[in-house]
Amino acid sequence: MIDTLDVNFRSKDKTRLRESVYTLIHEFGHLLTLNNTQIRPTSKSQQVEGAPYLTVEGEAYKYSYLNKFVSLFWKGKLLDRWDYIKERHCFIEDSELCIEKLFGLYTENYSDFVTDYAAESPEEDIVESWTYFVLKDKVKKPRTIAQKKINFFYQYPELVAYRASIRNNIKKYIQ
């Protein structure tokens, strides 16, 4: 959910404007990856190896952006570790311990994520990577997983078109 305090395009503060643009692009990423063309309702509650990715919102379609992203970048130990942290530390009252453990996941795998917040979940990881894809230039020779995540979106012409449109429309806010 976007707080109106997070987005202010009337500000004269360039840092504030950049943060507002970043927030809107990030939230638009959630709309792109969690809408009904990407996720379907399900009664499933357990992630099964090789099955489409499960979110709180539902089950990702096999060819959805999120399922492809998770299949490429969250397979194996990383997803298992994240599931363990979420189950053991995040579905209880101690949110500070959850944040600490997720930050530990980030620091142990820092070259896999564009930001520390991306380690919060695959859903946040894809939208943080999406935001970098929109705001940054293409990584010519990606070496890290984080750089490969940024370039992931170039395989989808419709996302490249969104990127171009967004970049064209934000010019007046960030320079």
Protein backbone atom coordinates (compact mmCIF):
# COMPACT_ATOMS: atom_id res chain seq x y z
CA MET A 1 0.00 0.00 0.00
CA ILE A 2 1.27 3.46 -0.88
CA ASP A 3 1.14 6.14 1.78
CA THR A 4 0.55 9.57 0.24
CA LEU A 5 3.55 10.77 2.23
CA ASP A 6 5.70 8.36 0.20
CA VAL A 7 4.81 10.04 -3.09
CA ASN A 8 5.03 13.79 -3.57
CA PHE A 9 5.48 15.15 -7.07
CA ARG A 10 5.02 18.75 -5.96
CA SER A 11 8.19 18.71 -3.92
CA LYS A 12 11.08 20.93 -5.01
CA ASP A 13 13.49 18.53 -3.32
CA LYS A 14 15.14 16.42 -6.05
CA THR A 15 15.90 13.58 -3.63
CA ARG A 16 12.24 13.50 -2.59
CA LEU A 17 11.15 13.46 -6.24
CA ARG A 18 13.49 10.56 -7.03
CA GLU A 19 12.13 8.64 -4.04
CA SER A 20 8.56 9.27 -5.20
CA VAL A 21 9.35 8.02 -8.71
CA TYR A 22 11.10 4.97 -7.25
CA THR A 23 8.11 4.16 -5.03
CA LEU A 24 5.59 4.39 -7.87
CA ILE A 25 7.68 2.23 -10.20
CA HIS A 26 8.13 -0.31 -7.40
CA GLU A 27 4.39 -0.45 -6.67
CA PHE A 28 3.57 -0.67 -10.38
CA GLY A 29 5.87 -3.72 -10.41
CA HIS A 30 3.53 -5.38 -7.91
CA LEU A 31 0.59 -4.67 -10.21
CA LEU A 32 2.49 -6.22 -13.12
CA THR A 33 3.52 -9.35 -11.26
CA LEU A 34 0.54 -10.06 -9.00
CA ASN A 35 -2.46 -9.35 -11.23
CA ASN A 36 -4.95 -11.99 -12.39
CA THR A 37 -3.02 -12.71 -15.61
CA GLN A 38 -0.03 -13.69 -13.47
CA ILE A 39 -1.52 -15.26 -10.32
CA ARG A 40 -4.59 -17.47 -9.81
CA PRO A 41 -6.46 -18.15 -6.58
CA THR A 42 -5.56 -21.44 -4.93
CA SER A 43 -6.25 -23.37 -1.76
CA LYS A 44 -2.69 -24.76 -1.79
CA SER A 45 -0.63 -23.76 1.21
CA GLN A 46 2.66 -25.63 0.72
CA GLN A 47 5.27 -24.90 -1.91
CA VAL A 48 6.20 -28.08 -3.78
CA GLU A 49 9.54 -28.43 -5.60
CA GLY A 50 9.01 -27.94 -9.33
CA ALA A 51 5.45 -26.62 -8.93
CA PRO A 52 4.51 -23.00 -9.72
CA TYR A 53 5.47 -20.51 -7.04
CA LEU A 54 2.92 -19.84 -4.27
CA THR A 55 2.35 -16.34 -2.95
CA VAL A 56 0.00 -15.05 -0.30
CA GLU A 57 -2.12 -13.84 -3.24
CA GLY A 58 -2.28 -17.26 -4.93
CA GLU A 59 -0.37 -19.53 -7.29
CA ALA A 60 1.75 -18.08 -10.08
CA TYR A 61 0.90 -19.26 -13.55
CA LYS A 62 3.67 -21.40 -15.05
CA TYR A 63 4.70 -18.74 -17.59
CA SER A 64 4.14 -15.72 -15.35
CA TYR A 65 6.92 -13.21 -14.76
CA LEU A 66 7.12 -14.18 -11.09
CA ASN A 67 7.23 -17.93 -11.66
CA LYS A 68 9.96 -17.56 -14.30
CA PHE A 69 11.90 -15.22 -12.02
CA VAL A 70 11.65 -17.56 -9.01
CA SER A 71 12.58 -20.57 -11.16
CA LEU A 72 15.71 -18.80 -12.36
CA PHE A 73 16.85 -16.94 -9.27
CA TRP A 74 15.27 -18.48 -6.16
CA LYS A 75 15.69 -22.18 -6.72
CA GLY A 76 17.25 -24.56 -4.24
CA LYS A 77 18.95 -23.39 -1.07
CA LEU A 78 17.98 -19.72 -1.32
CA LEU A 79 14.24 -20.44 -1.45
CA ASP A 80 14.59 -23.12 1.24
CA ARG A 81 16.47 -20.70 3.50
CA TRP A 82 13.91 -17.96 2.91
CA ASP A 83 11.03 -20.36 3.64
CA TYR A 84 12.77 -21.42 6.85
CA ILE A 85 13.29 -17.81 8.00
CA LYS A 86 9.70 -16.85 7.19
CA GLU A 87 8.24 -19.88 8.94
CA ARG A 88 10.49 -19.76 12.03
CA HIS A 89 10.91 -16.03 12.56
CA CYS A 90 8.37 -14.00 10.61
CA PHE A 91 4.99 -15.53 11.38
CA ILE A 92 5.42 -14.75 15.07
CA GLU A 93 5.28 -11.56 17.10
CA ASP A 94 9.04 -10.79 16.95
CA SER A 95 9.27 -8.71 13.77
CA GLU A 96 12.74 -7.41 14.72
CA LEU A 97 14.13 -10.95 14.64
CA CYS A 98 12.45 -11.53 11.26
CA ILE A 99 14.05 -8.37 9.85
CA GLU A 100 17.41 -9.37 11.32
CA LYS A 101 17.23 -12.85 9.76
CA LEU A 102 16.15 -11.51 6.36
CA PHE A 103 18.97 -8.98 6.45
CA GLY A 104 21.29 -11.89 7.22
CA LEU A 105 19.95 -13.65 4.12
CA TYR A 106 20.80 -10.51 2.15
CA THR A 107 24.32 -10.16 3.57
CA GLU A 108 25.05 -13.84 2.92
CA ASN A 109 23.90 -13.39 -0.70
CA TYR A 110 24.42 -9.65 -1.29
CA SER A 111 25.50 -10.04 -4.93
CA ASP A 112 22.19 -11.80 -5.63
CA PHE A 113 20.02 -8.79 -4.73
CA VAL A 114 19.76 -5.22 -6.03
CA THR A 115 18.81 -3.96 -2.54
CA ASP A 116 18.56 -5.38 0.96
CA TYR A 117 14.78 -5.03 0.74
CA ALA A 118 14.76 -7.42 -2.24
CA ALA A 119 15.69 -10.25 0.16
CA GLU A 120 12.33 -9.72 1.91
CA SER A 121 10.65 -12.14 -0.53
CA PRO A 122 10.63 -13.23 -4.17
CA GLU A 123 7.73 -10.79 -4.67
CA GLU A 124 9.82 -7.87 -3.40
CA ASP A 125 12.90 -9.12 -5.22
CA ILE A 126 11.20 -9.10 -8.62
CA VAL A 127 9.78 -5.60 -8.12
CA GLU A 128 13.04 -4.17 -6.80
CA SER A 129 14.76 -5.71 -9.83
CA TRP A 130 11.98 -4.30 -12.06
CA THR A 131 12.56 -0.84 -10.58
CA TYR A 132 16.28 -1.04 -11.36
CA PHE A 133 15.43 -2.29 -14.86
CA VAL A 134 13.29 0.80 -15.44
CA LEU A 135 15.63 3.35 -13.87
CA LYS A 136 19.08 2.04 -14.83
CA ASP A 137 20.78 1.34 -18.12
CA LYS A 138 21.02 -2.24 -19.37
CA VAL A 139 23.90 -4.17 -17.84
CA LYS A 140 26.07 -4.97 -20.86
CA LYS A 141 27.96 -7.89 -19.31
CA PRO A 142 26.06 -9.05 -16.23
CA ARG A 143 28.36 -10.81 -13.78
CA THR A 144 26.28 -11.02 -10.63
CA ILE A 145 22.88 -12.58 -10.05
CA ALA A 146 21.57 -9.10 -9.21
CA GLN A 147 22.69 -7.81 -12.61
CA LYS A 148 21.12 -10.82 -14.33
CA LYS A 149 17.88 -10.08 -12.50
CA ILE A 150 17.88 -6.54 -13.89
CA ASN A 151 18.38 -7.87 -17.42
CA PHE A 152 15.71 -10.58 -16.93
CA PHE A 153 12.98 -8.18 -18.05
CA TYR A 154 14.48 -7.52 -21.49
CA GLN A 155 13.11 -10.85 -22.72
CA TYR A 156 9.58 -9.41 -22.55
CA PRO A 157 8.85 -6.81 -25.28
CA GLU A 158 5.83 -5.51 -23.36
CA LEU A 159 8.01 -4.76 -20.32
CA VAL A 160 10.63 -3.07 -22.49
CA ALA A 161 7.80 -0.90 -23.89
CA TYR A 162 6.60 -0.04 -20.35
CA ARG A 163 10.19 0.83 -19.44
CA ALA A 164 10.52 3.20 -22.40
CA SER A 165 7.19 4.87 -21.63
CA ILE A 166 7.95 5.28 -17.93
CA ARG A 167 11.45 6.63 -18.59
CA ASN A 168 10.03 9.14 -21.06
CA ASN A 169 7.38 10.30 -18.59
CA ILE A 170 9.65 10.66 -15.55
CA LYS A 171 12.23 12.89 -17.24
CA LYS A 172 10.67 16.03 -15.79
CA TYR A 173 10.96 14.64 -12.25
CA ILE A 174 14.45 13.20 -12.25
CA GLN A 175 17.45 14.54 -14.09
